[in-house]
Amino acid sequence: MDNSSSESIFTKIINREATADIVYEDEEMIAIKDINPKAPVHILLLPKDPIKNLNDFTQTHTELLGRLMLKAAEIAKKLNIADTGYKIVINTGDHGGQIIDHFHLHILGGQRVKAVV
């Protein structure tokens, strides 16, 4: 994981200091295309608040988590993968495969995605 004190690439994208292919944005979240897609459709959905990972969410974030999940489903519909199916993945911490220290969820679809569990 990126343990440096500098801003994450996601914060730079949110602040328009770095470019990304944005598929959705509102006042509390942004969805971008993954630059190294693992499926034909691979979107990263993240809150604008720089929450490090799932372990850093508290009860005050309950509604935000719900809105992120609902927005993921809405994005899947918009990108025409809702009917055939898609996977939502949240990597948390080093052993969980998290690379960027800013909570995000992956929306993967467009083909049969390999089962992990």
PDB file of N, CA and C in Angstrom:
ATOM      1  N   MET A   1       0.834  -1.196   0.000  1.00  0.00           N
ATOM      2  CA  MET A   1       0.000   0.000   0.000  1.00  0.00           C
ATOM      3  C   MET A   1       0.866   1.242   0.000  1.00  0.00           C
ATOM      4  N   ASP A   2       0.296   2.318  -0.467  1.00  0.00           N
ATOM      5  CA  ASP A   2       0.990   3.593  -0.475  1.00  0.00           C
ATOM      6  C   ASP A   2       0.946   4.185   0.924  1.00  0.00           C
ATOM      7  N   ASN A   3       2.049   4.098   1.645  1.00  0.00           N
ATOM      8  CA  ASN A   3       2.090   4.593   3.017  1.00  0.00           C
ATOM      9  C   ASN A   3       2.752   5.962   3.124  1.00  0.00           C
ATOM     10  N   SER A   4       2.960   6.616   2.008  1.00  0.00           N
ATOM     11  CA  SER A   4       3.579   7.939   2.046  1.00  0.00           C
ATOM     12  C   SER A   4       2.582   8.958   2.574  1.00  0.00           C
ATOM     13  N   SER A   5       3.114  10.100   2.966  1.00  0.00           N
ATOM     14  CA  SER A   5       2.250  11.144   3.514  1.00  0.00           C
ATOM     15  C   SER A   5       1.622  11.998   2.417  1.00  0.00           C
ATOM     16  N   SER A   6       2.004  11.777   1.175  1.00  0.00           N
ATOM     17  CA  SER A   6       1.453  12.569   0.084  1.00  0.00           C
ATOM     18  C   SER A   6       0.026  12.129  -0.231  1.00  0.00           C
ATOM     19  N   GLU A   7      -0.675  12.980  -0.966  1.00  0.00           N
ATOM     20  CA  GLU A   7      -2.044  12.663  -1.360  1.00  0.00           C
ATOM     21  C   GLU A   7      -2.063  11.438  -2.261  1.00  0.00           C
ATOM     22  N   SER A   8      -3.126  10.668  -2.151  1.00  0.00           N
ATOM     23  CA  SER A   8      -3.286   9.519  -3.043  1.00  0.00           C
ATOM     24  C   SER A   8      -3.651  10.008  -4.442  1.00  0.00           C
ATOM     25  N   ILE A   9      -3.479   9.142  -5.412  1.00  0.00           N
ATOM     26  CA  ILE A   9      -3.876   9.475  -6.783  1.00  0.00           C
ATOM     27  C   ILE A   9      -5.368   9.793  -6.835  1.00  0.00           C
ATOM     28  N   PHE A  10      -6.168   9.134  -5.997  1.00  0.00           N
ATOM     29  CA  PHE A  10      -7.606   9.407  -5.998  1.00  0.00           C
ATOM     30  C   PHE A  10      -7.892  10.834  -5.525  1.00  0.00           C
ATOM     31  N   THR A  11      -7.190  11.277  -4.497  1.00  0.00           N
ATOM     32  CA  THR A  11      -7.366  12.654  -4.032  1.00  0.00           C
ATOM     33  C   THR A  11      -6.960  13.630  -5.127  1.00  0.00           C
ATOM     34  N   LYS A  12      -5.898  13.314  -5.834  1.00  0.00           N
ATOM     35  CA  LYS A  12      -5.460  14.179  -6.934  1.00  0.00           C
ATOM     36  C   LYS A  12      -6.498  14.215  -8.056  1.00  0.00           C
ATOM     37  N   ILE A  13      -7.129  13.079  -8.332  1.00  0.00           N
ATOM     38  CA  ILE A  13      -8.192  13.046  -9.347  1.00  0.00           C
ATOM     39  C   ILE A  13      -9.384  13.885  -8.884  1.00  0.00           C
ATOM     40  N   ILE A  14      -9.780  13.701  -7.639  1.00  0.00           N
ATOM     41  CA  ILE A  14     -10.903  14.467  -7.085  1.00  0.00           C
ATOM     42  C   ILE A  14     -10.628  15.964  -7.168  1.00  0.00           C
ATOM     43  N   ASN A  15      -9.379  16.357  -6.882  1.00  0.00           N
ATOM     44  CA  ASN A  15      -8.992  17.773  -6.898  1.00  0.00           C
ATOM     45  C   ASN A  15      -8.608  18.276  -8.286  1.00  0.00           C
ATOM     46  N   ARG A  16      -8.758  17.417  -9.298  1.00  0.00           N
ATOM     47  CA  ARG A  16      -8.429  17.741 -10.691  1.00  0.00           C
ATOM     48  C   ARG A  16      -6.944  18.060 -10.883  1.00  0.00           C
ATOM     49  N   GLU A  17      -6.112  17.435 -10.043  1.00  0.00           N
ATOM     50  CA  GLU A  17      -4.661  17.554 -10.186  1.00  0.00           C
ATOM     51  C   GLU A  17      -4.111  16.398 -11.019  1.00  0.00           C
ATOM     52  N   ALA A  18      -4.959  15.422 -11.304  1.00  0.00           N
ATOM     53  CA  ALA A  18      -4.629  14.290 -12.173  1.00  0.00           C
ATOM     54  C   ALA A  18      -5.878  13.984 -12.987  1.00  0.00           C
ATOM     55  N   THR A  19      -5.682  13.405 -14.159  1.00  0.00           N
ATOM     56  CA  THR A  19      -6.821  13.124 -15.030  1.00  0.00           C
ATOM     57  C   THR A  19      -7.307  11.694 -14.853  1.00  0.00           C
ATOM     58  N   ALA A  20      -8.564  11.495 -15.171  1.00  0.00           N
ATOM     59  CA  ALA A  20      -9.189  10.175 -15.143  1.00  0.00           C
ATOM     60  C   ALA A  20     -10.414  10.223 -16.038  1.00  0.00           C
ATOM     61  N   ASP A  21     -10.846   9.051 -16.459  1.00  0.00           N
ATOM     62  CA  ASP A  21     -12.073   8.937 -17.246  1.00  0.00           C
ATOM     63  C   ASP A  21     -13.230   8.805 -16.258  1.00  0.00           C
ATOM     64  N   ILE A  22     -13.883   9.907 -15.970  1.00  0.00           N
ATOM     65  CA  ILE A  22     -14.949   9.957 -14.964  1.00  0.00           C
ATOM     66  C   ILE A  22     -16.259   9.506 -15.590  1.00  0.00           C
ATOM     67  N   VAL A  23     -16.915   8.533 -14.950  1.00  0.00           N
ATOM     68  CA  VAL A  23     -18.209   8.058 -15.440  1.00  0.00           C
ATOM     69  C   VAL A  23     -19.367   8.574 -14.585  1.00  0.00           C
ATOM     70  N   TYR A  24     -19.063   9.039 -13.372  1.00  0.00           N
ATOM     71  CA  TYR A  24     -20.096   9.605 -12.507  1.00  0.00           C
ATOM     72  C   TYR A  24     -19.410  10.466 -11.450  1.00  0.00           C
ATOM     73  N   GLU A  25     -20.100  11.541 -11.060  1.00  0.00           N
ATOM     74  CA  GLU A  25     -19.592  12.366  -9.962  1.00  0.00           C
ATOM     75  C   GLU A  25     -20.737  13.145  -9.348  1.00  0.00           C
ATOM     76  N   ASP A  26     -20.724  13.242  -8.024  1.00  0.00           N
ATOM     77  CA  ASP A  26     -21.615  14.139  -7.308  1.00  0.00           C
ATOM     78  C   ASP A  26     -20.818  14.743  -6.155  1.00  0.00           C
ATOM     79  N   GLU A  27     -21.500  15.371  -5.206  1.00  0.00           N
ATOM     80  CA  GLU A  27     -20.791  16.076  -4.141  1.00  0.00           C
ATOM     81  C   GLU A  27     -20.054  15.161  -3.165  1.00  0.00           C
ATOM     82  N   GLU A  28     -20.425  13.872  -3.105  1.00  0.00           N
ATOM     83  CA  GLU A  28     -19.769  13.005  -2.123  1.00  0.00           C
ATOM     84  C   GLU A  28     -19.029  11.804  -2.699  1.00  0.00           C
ATOM     85  N   MET A  29     -19.143  11.548  -4.002  1.00  0.00           N
ATOM     86  CA  MET A  29     -18.460  10.388  -4.579  1.00  0.00           C
ATOM     87  C   MET A  29     -18.111  10.631  -6.035  1.00  0.00           C
ATOM     88  N   ILE A  30     -17.200   9.789  -6.525  1.00  0.00           N
ATOM     89  CA  ILE A  30     -16.776   9.854  -7.919  1.00  0.00           C
ATOM     90  C   ILE A  30     -16.533   8.425  -8.403  1.00  0.00           C
ATOM     91  N   ALA A  31     -16.866   8.169  -9.657  1.00  0.00           N
ATOM     92  CA  ALA A  31     -16.629   6.860 -10.277  1.00  0.00           C
ATOM     93  C   ALA A  31     -15.761   7.078 -11.505  1.00  0.00           C
ATOM     94  N   ILE A  32     -14.699   6.284 -11.606  1.00  0.00           N
ATOM     95  CA  ILE A  32     -13.759   6.413 -12.718  1.00  0.00           C
ATOM     96  C   ILE A  32     -13.475   5.046 -13.322  1.00  0.00           C
ATOM     97  N   LYS A  33     -13.053   5.048 -14.578  1.00  0.00           N
ATOM     98  CA  LYS A  33     -12.632   3.802 -15.206  1.00  0.00           C
ATOM     99  C   LYS A  33     -11.258   3.428 -14.667  1.00  0.00           C
ATOM    100  N   ASP A  34     -11.085   2.139 -14.347  1.00  0.00           N
ATOM    101  CA  ASP A  34      -9.788   1.650 -13.885  1.00  0.00           C
ATOM    102  C   ASP A  34      -8.788   1.725 -15.035  1.00  0.00           C
ATOM    103  N   ILE A  35      -7.580   2.193 -14.765  1.00  0.00           N
ATOM    104  CA  ILE A  35      -6.579   2.304 -15.834  1.00  0.00           C
ATOM    105  C   ILE A  35      -5.933   0.964 -16.168  1.00  0.00           C
ATOM    106  N   ASN A  36      -6.171  -0.049 -15.335  1.00  0.00           N
ATOM    107  CA  ASN A  36      -5.650  -1.390 -15.576  1.00  0.00           C
ATOM    108  C   ASN A  36      -6.801  -2.379 -15.397  1.00  0.00           C
ATOM    109  N   PRO A  37      -7.787  -2.343 -16.299  1.00  0.00           N
ATOM    110  CA  PRO A  37      -9.017  -3.119 -16.097  1.00  0.00           C
ATOM    111  C   PRO A  37      -8.795  -4.625 -16.056  1.00  0.00           C
ATOM    112  N   LYS A  38      -9.547  -5.266 -15.155  1.00  0.00           N
ATOM    113  CA  LYS A  38      -9.521  -6.720 -15.014  1.00  0.00           C
ATOM    114  C   LYS A  38     -10.740  -7.368 -15.661  1.00  0.00           C
ATOM    115  N   ALA A  39     -11.578  -6.562 -16.293  1.00  0.00           N
ATOM    116  CA  ALA A  39     -12.781  -7.023 -16.990  1.00  0.00           C
ATOM    117  C   ALA A  39     -13.126  -5.956 -18.030  1.00  0.00           C
ATOM    118  N   PRO A  40     -13.979  -6.291 -19.014  1.00  0.00           N
ATOM    119  CA  PRO A  40     -14.365  -5.285 -20.010  1.00  0.00           C
ATOM    120  C   PRO A  40     -14.931  -4.005 -19.383  1.00  0.00           C
ATOM    121  N   VAL A  41     -15.659  -4.152 -18.289  1.00  0.00           N
ATOM    122  CA  VAL A  41     -16.122  -3.002 -17.517  1.00  0.00           C
ATOM    123  C   VAL A  41     -15.459  -3.096 -16.149  1.00  0.00           C
ATOM    124  N   HIS A  42     -14.668  -2.104 -15.800  1.00  0.00           N
ATOM    125  CA  HIS A  42     -13.995  -2.072 -14.492  1.00  0.00           C
ATOM    126  C   HIS A  42     -13.987  -0.626 -14.019  1.00  0.00           C
ATOM    127  N   ILE A  43     -14.894  -0.348 -13.097  1.00  0.00           N
ATOM    128  CA  ILE A  43     -15.090   1.000 -12.570  1.00  0.00           C
ATOM    129  C   ILE A  43     -14.667   1.030 -11.108  1.00  0.00           C
ATOM    130  N   LEU A  44     -14.046   2.122 -10.699  1.00  0.00           N
ATOM    131  CA  LEU A  44     -13.708   2.356  -9.299  1.00  0.00           C
ATOM    132  C   LEU A  44     -14.640   3.438  -8.775  1.00  0.00           C
ATOM    133  N   LEU A  45     -15.340   3.134  -7.695  1.00  0.00           N
ATOM    134  CA  LEU A  45     -16.266   4.082  -7.077  1.00  0.00           C
ATOM    135  C   LEU A  45     -15.726   4.419  -5.698  1.00  0.00           C
ATOM    136  N   LEU A  46     -15.540   5.707  -5.432  1.00  0.00           N
ATOM    137  CA  LEU A  46     -14.933   6.094  -4.169  1.00  0.00           C
ATOM    138  C   LEU A  46     -15.573   7.343  -3.601  1.00  0.00           C
ATOM    139  N   PRO A  47     -15.575   7.432  -2.274  1.00  0.00           N
ATOM    140  CA  PRO A  47     -16.055   8.666  -1.659  1.00  0.00           C
ATOM    141  C   PRO A  47     -15.008   9.759  -1.830  1.00  0.00           C
ATOM    142  N   LYS A  48     -15.448  10.987  -1.870  1.00  0.00           N
ATOM    143  CA  LYS A  48     -14.498  12.097  -1.964  1.00  0.00           C
ATOM    144  C   LYS A  48     -13.776  12.322  -0.638  1.00  0.00           C
ATOM    145  N   ASP A  49     -14.412  11.962   0.458  1.00  0.00           N
ATOM    146  CA  ASP A  49     -13.770  12.017   1.767  1.00  0.00           C
ATOM    147  C   ASP A  49     -12.648  10.973   1.773  1.00  0.00           C
ATOM    148  N   PRO A  50     -11.418  11.357   2.087  1.00  0.00           N
ATOM    149  CA  PRO A  50     -10.296  10.417   1.984  1.00  0.00           C
ATOM    150  C   PRO A  50     -10.241   9.395   3.117  1.00  0.00           C
ATOM    151  N   ILE A  51     -11.220   8.532   3.162  1.00  0.00           N
ATOM    152  CA  ILE A  51     -11.256   7.453   4.147  1.00  0.00           C
ATOM    153  C   ILE A  51     -10.284   6.379   3.669  1.00  0.00           C
ATOM    154  N   LYS A  52      -9.375   5.957   4.537  1.00  0.00           N
ATOM    155  CA  LYS A  52      -8.295   5.051   4.127  1.00  0.00           C
ATOM    156  C   LYS A  52      -8.814   3.700   3.642  1.00  0.00           C
ATOM    157  N   ASN A  53      -9.623   3.029   4.448  1.00  0.00           N
ATOM    158  CA  ASN A  53     -10.161   1.731   4.039  1.00  0.00           C
ATOM    159  C   ASN A  53     -11.415   1.410   4.836  1.00  0.00           C
ATOM    160  N   LEU A  54     -11.991   0.258   4.594  1.00  0.00           N
ATOM    161  CA  LEU A  54     -13.254  -0.108   5.232  1.00  0.00           C
ATOM    162  C   LEU A  54     -13.154  -0.078   6.753  1.00  0.00           C
ATOM    163  N   ASN A  55     -11.987  -0.396   7.303  1.00  0.00           N
ATOM    164  CA  ASN A  55     -11.805  -0.387   8.755  1.00  0.00           C
ATOM    165  C   ASN A  55     -11.957   1.001   9.361  1.00  0.00           C
ATOM    166  N   ASP A  56     -11.822   2.033   8.566  1.00  0.00           N
ATOM    167  CA  ASP A  56     -11.915   3.399   9.071  1.00  0.00           C
ATOM    168  C   ASP A  56     -13.327   3.978   9.002  1.00  0.00           C
ATOM    169  N   PHE A  57     -14.273   3.226   8.480  1.00  0.00           N
ATOM    170  CA  PHE A  57     -15.664   3.673   8.481  1.00  0.00           C
ATOM    171  C   PHE A  57     -16.231   3.531   9.892  1.00  0.00           C
ATOM    172  N   THR A  58     -17.128   4.432  10.252  1.00  0.00           N
ATOM    173  CA  THR A  58     -17.786   4.386  11.555  1.00  0.00           C
ATOM    174  C   THR A  58     -19.298   4.429  11.334  1.00  0.00           C
ATOM    175  N   GLN A  59     -20.037   4.430  12.425  1.00  0.00           N
ATOM    176  CA  GLN A  59     -21.496   4.510  12.332  1.00  0.00           C
ATOM    177  C   GLN A  59     -21.932   5.775  11.589  1.00  0.00           C
ATOM    178  N   THR A  60     -21.132   6.815  11.648  1.00  0.00           N
ATOM    179  CA  THR A  60     -21.498   8.053  10.950  1.00  0.00           C
ATOM    180  C   THR A  60     -21.433   7.897   9.436  1.00  0.00           C
ATOM    181  N   HIS A  61     -20.790   6.827   8.975  1.00  0.00           N
ATOM    182  CA  HIS A  61     -20.662   6.586   7.538  1.00  0.00           C
ATOM    183  C   HIS A  61     -21.692   5.589   6.993  1.00  0.00           C
ATOM    184  N   THR A  62     -22.615   5.150   7.831  1.00  0.00           N
ATOM    185  CA  THR A  62     -23.578   4.127   7.413  1.00  0.00           C
ATOM    186  C   THR A  62     -24.336   4.538   6.154  1.00  0.00           C
ATOM    187  N   GLU A  63     -24.849   5.746   6.136  1.00  0.00           N
ATOM    188  CA  GLU A  63     -25.619   6.198   4.971  1.00  0.00           C
ATOM    189  C   GLU A  63     -24.740   6.335   3.736  1.00  0.00           C
ATOM    190  N   LEU A  64     -23.511   6.792   3.905  1.00  0.00           N
ATOM    191  CA  LEU A  64     -22.588   6.904   2.780  1.00  0.00           C
ATOM    192  C   LEU A  64     -22.316   5.531   2.173  1.00  0.00           C
ATOM    193  N   LEU A  65     -22.078   4.533   3.013  1.00  0.00           N
ATOM    194  CA  LEU A  65     -21.847   3.178   2.495  1.00  0.00           C
ATOM    195  C   LEU A  65     -23.056   2.683   1.713  1.00  0.00           C
ATOM    196  N   GLY A  66     -24.237   2.951   2.233  1.00  0.00           N
ATOM    197  CA  GLY A  66     -25.451   2.561   1.528  1.00  0.00           C
ATOM    198  C   GLY A  66     -25.582   3.261   0.187  1.00  0.00           C
ATOM    199  N   ARG A  67     -25.287   4.549   0.165  1.00  0.00           N
ATOM    200  CA  ARG A  67     -25.372   5.296  -1.094  1.00  0.00           C
ATOM    201  C   ARG A  67     -24.329   4.815  -2.102  1.00  0.00           C
ATOM    202  N   LEU A  68     -23.139   4.450  -1.629  1.00  0.00           N
ATOM    203  CA  LEU A  68     -22.120   3.906  -2.529  1.00  0.00           C
ATOM    204  C   LEU A  68     -22.611   2.610  -3.173  1.00  0.00           C
ATOM    205  N   MET A  69     -23.220   1.736  -2.386  1.00  0.00           N
ATOM    206  CA  MET A  69     -23.714   0.467  -2.932  1.00  0.00           C
ATOM    207  C   MET A  69     -24.846   0.708  -3.926  1.00  0.00           C
ATOM    208  N   LEU A  70     -25.764   1.597  -3.593  1.00  0.00           N
ATOM    209  CA  LEU A  70     -26.861   1.904  -4.516  1.00  0.00           C
ATOM    210  C   LEU A  70     -26.340   2.548  -5.796  1.00  0.00           C
ATOM    211  N   LYS A  71     -25.337   3.411  -5.668  1.00  0.00           N
ATOM    212  CA  LYS A  71     -24.760   4.046  -6.854  1.00  0.00           C
ATOM    213  C   LYS A  71     -24.039   3.010  -7.706  1.00  0.00           C
ATOM    214  N   ALA A  72     -23.389   2.028  -7.083  1.00  0.00           N
ATOM    215  CA  ALA A  72     -22.732   0.960  -7.845  1.00  0.00           C
ATOM    216  C   ALA A  72     -23.756   0.222  -8.699  1.00  0.00           C
ATOM    217  N   ALA A  73     -24.912  -0.077  -8.129  1.00  0.00           N
ATOM    218  CA  ALA A  73     -25.968  -0.756  -8.888  1.00  0.00           C
ATOM    219  C   ALA A  73     -26.478   0.132 -10.022  1.00  0.00           C
ATOM    220  N   GLU A  74     -26.614   1.419  -9.764  1.00  0.00           N
ATOM    221  CA  GLU A  74     -27.065   2.361 -10.798  1.00  0.00           C
ATOM    222  C   GLU A  74     -26.047   2.446 -11.942  1.00  0.00           C
ATOM    223  N   ILE A  75     -24.771   2.478 -11.599  1.00  0.00           N
ATOM    224  CA  ILE A  75     -23.716   2.519 -12.619  1.00  0.00           C
ATOM    225  C   ILE A  75     -23.726   1.234 -13.439  1.00  0.00           C
ATOM    226  N   ALA A  76     -23.925   0.099 -12.783  1.00  0.00           N
ATOM    227  CA  ALA A  76     -23.998  -1.180 -13.503  1.00  0.00           C
ATOM    228  C   ALA A  76     -25.140  -1.160 -14.517  1.00  0.00           C
ATOM    229  N   LYS A  77     -26.275  -0.595 -14.138  1.00  0.00           N
ATOM    230  CA  LYS A  77     -27.397  -0.478 -15.078  1.00  0.00           C
ATOM    231  C   LYS A  77     -27.033   0.443 -16.241  1.00  0.00           C
ATOM    232  N   LYS A  78     -26.435   1.588 -15.920  1.00  0.00           N
ATOM    233  CA  LYS A  78     -26.053   2.564 -16.944  1.00  0.00           C
ATOM    234  C   LYS A  78     -25.073   1.959 -17.950  1.00  0.00           C
ATOM    235  N   LEU A  79     -24.191   1.089 -17.482  1.00  0.00           N
ATOM    236  CA  LEU A  79     -23.167   0.494 -18.346  1.00  0.00           C
ATOM    237  C   LEU A  79     -23.598  -0.856 -18.926  1.00  0.00           C
ATOM    238  N   ASN A  80     -24.881  -1.177 -18.764  1.00  0.00           N
ATOM    239  CA  ASN A  80     -25.486  -2.376 -19.363  1.00  0.00           C
ATOM    240  C   ASN A  80     -24.865  -3.691 -18.906  1.00  0.00           C
ATOM    241  N   ILE A  81     -24.490  -3.763 -17.626  1.00  0.00           N
ATOM    242  CA  ILE A  81     -23.990  -5.033 -17.089  1.00  0.00           C
ATOM    243  C   ILE A  81     -24.883  -5.574 -15.975  1.00  0.00           C
ATOM    244  N   ALA A  82     -25.928  -4.840 -15.632  1.00  0.00           N
ATOM    245  CA  ALA A  82     -26.787  -5.252 -14.522  1.00  0.00           C
ATOM    246  C   ALA A  82     -27.527  -6.549 -14.824  1.00  0.00           C
ATOM    247  N   ASP A  83     -28.028  -6.704 -16.033  1.00  0.00           N
ATOM    248  CA  ASP A  83     -28.818  -7.895 -16.359  1.00  0.00           C
ATOM    249  C   ASP A  83     -27.977  -9.157 -16.461  1.00  0.00           C
ATOM    250  N   THR A  84     -26.754  -9.040 -16.954  1.00  0.00           N
ATOM    251  CA  THR A  84     -25.895 -10.226 -17.095  1.00  0.00           C
ATOM    252  C   THR A  84     -25.112 -10.520 -15.827  1.00  0.00           C
ATOM    253  N   GLY A  85     -24.961  -9.534 -14.968  1.00  0.00           N
ATOM    254  CA  GLY A  85     -24.288  -9.729 -13.692  1.00  0.00           C
ATOM    255  C   GLY A  85     -22.969  -8.994 -13.602  1.00  0.00           C
ATOM    256  N   TYR A  86     -22.590  -8.704 -12.388  1.00  0.00           N
ATOM    257  CA  TYR A  86     -21.350  -7.985 -12.119  1.00  0.00           C
ATOM    258  C   TYR A  86     -20.881  -8.324 -10.712  1.00  0.00           C
ATOM    259  N   LYS A  87     -19.651  -7.964 -10.431  1.00  0.00           N
ATOM    260  CA  LYS A  87     -19.058  -8.223  -9.124  1.00  0.00           C
ATOM    261  C   LYS A  87     -18.647  -6.892  -8.509  1.00  0.00           C
ATOM    262  N   ILE A  88     -18.865  -6.771  -7.203  1.00  0.00           N
ATOM    263  CA  ILE A  88     -18.382  -5.628  -6.442  1.00  0.00           C
ATOM    264  C   ILE A  88     -17.323  -6.157  -5.483  1.00  0.00           C
ATOM    265  N   VAL A  89     -16.142  -5.541  -5.519  1.00  0.00           N
ATOM    266  CA  VAL A  89     -15.022  -5.986  -4.691  1.00  0.00           C
ATOM    267  C   VAL A  89     -14.510  -4.807  -3.873  1.00  0.00           C
ATOM    268  N   ILE A  90     -14.250  -5.062  -2.589  1.00  0.00           N
ATOM    269  CA  ILE A  90     -13.616  -4.074  -1.719  1.00  0.00           C
ATOM    270  C   ILE A  90     -12.368  -4.727  -1.139  1.00  0.00           C
ATOM    271  N   ASN A  91     -11.207  -4.209  -1.502  1.00  0.00           N
ATOM    272  CA  ASN A  91      -9.943  -4.701  -0.957  1.00  0.00           C
ATOM    273  C   ASN A  91      -9.594  -3.845   0.255  1.00  0.00           C
ATOM    274  N   THR A  92      -9.252  -4.504   1.365  1.00  0.00           N
ATOM    275  CA  THR A  92      -8.939  -3.779   2.593  1.00  0.00           C
ATOM    276  C   THR A  92      -7.599  -4.233   3.144  1.00  0.00           C
ATOM    277  N   GLY A  93      -6.668  -3.313   3.248  1.00  0.00           N
ATOM    278  CA  GLY A  93      -5.361  -3.612   3.818  1.00  0.00           C
ATOM    279  C   GLY A  93      -4.451  -4.374   2.870  1.00  0.00           C
ATOM    280  N   ASP A  94      -3.218  -4.526   3.295  1.00  0.00           N
ATOM    281  CA  ASP A  94      -2.189  -5.155   2.475  1.00  0.00           C
ATOM    282  C   ASP A  94      -2.546  -6.589   2.098  1.00  0.00           C
ATOM    283  N   HIS A  95      -2.942  -7.396   3.063  1.00  0.00           N
ATOM    284  CA  HIS A  95      -3.282  -8.792   2.770  1.00  0.00           C
ATOM    285  C   HIS A  95      -4.566  -8.908   1.964  1.00  0.00           C
ATOM    286  N   GLY A  96      -5.398  -7.891   2.000  1.00  0.00           N
ATOM    287  CA  GLY A  96      -6.629  -7.876   1.213  1.00  0.00           C
ATOM    288  C   GLY A  96      -6.433  -7.361  -0.201  1.00  0.00           C
ATOM    289  N   GLY A  97      -5.208  -6.968  -0.519  1.00  0.00           N
ATOM    290  CA  GLY A  97      -4.908  -6.519  -1.872  1.00  0.00           C
ATOM    291  C   GLY A  97      -5.112  -5.040  -2.131  1.00  0.00           C
ATOM    292  N   GLN A  98      -5.335  -4.251  -1.073  1.00  0.00           N
ATOM    293  CA  GLN A  98      -5.523  -2.810  -1.271  1.00  0.00           C
ATOM    294  C   GLN A  98      -4.193  -2.176  -1.657  1.00  0.00           C
ATOM    295  N   ILE A  99      -4.199  -1.423  -2.743  1.00  0.00           N
ATOM    296  CA  ILE A  99      -2.976  -0.788  -3.236  1.00  0.00           C
ATOM    297  C   ILE A  99      -2.961   0.705  -2.922  1.00  0.00           C
ATOM    298  N   ILE A 100      -4.107   1.354  -3.023  1.00  0.00           N
ATOM    299  CA  ILE A 100      -4.201   2.798  -2.788  1.00  0.00           C
ATOM    300  C   ILE A 100      -4.930   3.038  -1.476  1.00  0.00           C
ATOM    301  N   ASP A 101      -4.333   3.846  -0.601  1.00  0.00           N
ATOM    302  CA  ASP A 101      -4.908   4.133   0.711  1.00  0.00           C
ATOM    303  C   ASP A 101      -6.027   5.168   0.626  1.00  0.00           C
ATOM    304  N   HIS A 102      -7.070   4.814  -0.082  1.00  0.00           N
ATOM    305  CA  HIS A 102      -8.293   5.614  -0.177  1.00  0.00           C
ATOM    306  C   HIS A 102      -9.379   4.602  -0.511  1.00  0.00           C
ATOM    307  N   PHE A 103     -10.362   4.454   0.383  1.00  0.00           N
ATOM    308  CA  PHE A 103     -11.411   3.456   0.180  1.00  0.00           C
ATOM    309  C   PHE A 103     -12.001   3.569  -1.215  1.00  0.00           C
ATOM    310  N   HIS A 104     -12.176   2.433  -1.851  1.00  0.00           N
ATOM    311  CA  HIS A 104     -12.848   2.390  -3.152  1.00  0.00           C
ATOM    312  C   HIS A 104     -13.401   0.993  -3.368  1.00  0.00           C
ATOM    313  N   LEU A 105     -14.429   0.918  -4.156  1.00  0.00           N
ATOM    314  CA  LEU A 105     -14.946  -0.389  -4.530  1.00  0.00           C
ATOM    315  C   LEU A 105     -14.829  -0.548  -6.032  1.00  0.00           C
ATOM    316  N   HIS A 106     -14.601  -1.789  -6.428  1.00  0.00           N
ATOM    317  CA  HIS A 106     -14.461  -2.134  -7.840  1.00  0.00           C
ATOM    318  C   HIS A 106     -15.795  -2.674  -8.336  1.00  0.00           C
ATOM    319  N   ILE A 107     -16.240  -2.215  -9.479  1.00  0.00           N
ATOM    320  CA  ILE A 107     -17.414  -2.758 -10.159  1.00  0.00           C
ATOM    321  C   ILE A 107     -16.876  -3.427 -11.417  1.00  0.00           C
ATOM    322  N   LEU A 108     -17.016  -4.752 -11.499  1.00  0.00           N
ATOM    323  CA  LEU A 108     -16.461  -5.519 -12.614  1.00  0.00           C
ATOM    324  C   LEU A 108     -17.563  -6.269 -13.334  1.00  0.00           C
ATOM    325  N   GLY A 109     -17.560  -6.200 -14.651  1.00  0.00           N
ATOM    326  CA  GLY A 109     -18.559  -6.915 -15.433  1.00  0.00           C
ATOM    327  C   GLY A 109     -18.220  -6.896 -16.908  1.00  0.00           C
ATOM    328  N   GLY A 110     -19.182  -7.331 -17.704  1.00  0.00           N
ATOM    329  CA  GLY A 110     -18.986  -7.372 -19.144  1.00  0.00           C
ATOM    330  C   GLY A 110     -18.562  -8.732 -19.649  1.00  0.00           C
ATOM    331  N   GLN A 111     -18.242  -9.613 -18.740  1.00  0.00           N
ATOM    332  CA  GLN A 111     -17.929 -11.014 -19.038  1.00  0.00           C
ATOM    333  C   GLN A 111     -18.033 -11.765 -17.716  1.00  0.00           C
ATOM    334  N   ARG A 112     -18.029 -13.073 -17.783  1.00  0.00           N
ATOM    335  CA  ARG A 112     -18.072 -13.854 -16.552  1.00  0.00           C
ATOM    336  C   ARG A 112     -16.797 -13.565 -15.769  1.00  0.00           C
ATOM    337  N   VAL A 113     -16.965 -13.072 -14.542  1.00  0.00           N
ATOM    338  CA  VAL A 113     -15.831 -12.726 -13.694  1.00  0.00           C
ATOM    339  C   VAL A 113     -15.487 -13.937 -12.833  1.00  0.00           C
ATOM    340  N   LYS A 114     -14.211 -14.237 -12.749  1.00  0.00           N
ATOM    341  CA  LYS A 114     -13.745 -15.402 -11.994  1.00  0.00           C
ATOM    342  C   LYS A 114     -14.212 -15.328 -10.541  1.00  0.00           C
ATOM    343  N   ALA A 115     -14.733 -16.443 -10.052  1.00  0.00           N
ATOM    344  CA  ALA A 115     -15.172 -16.522  -8.663  1.00  0.00           C
ATOM    345  C   ALA A 115     -13.960 -16.626  -7.746  1.00  0.00           C
ATOM    346  N   VAL A 116     -13.997 -15.894  -6.652  1.00  0.00           N
ATOM    347  CA  VAL A 116     -12.928 -15.954  -5.661  1.00  0.00           C
ATOM    348  C   VAL A 116     -13.380 -16.788  -4.473  1.00  0.00           C
ATOM    349  N   VAL A 117     -14.630 -16.688  -4.114  1.00  0.00           N
ATOM    350  CA  VAL A 117     -15.181 -17.471  -3.002  1.00  0.00           C
ATOM    351  C   VAL A 117     -16.415 -18.203  -3.461  1.00  0.00           C
TER     352      VAL A 117
END
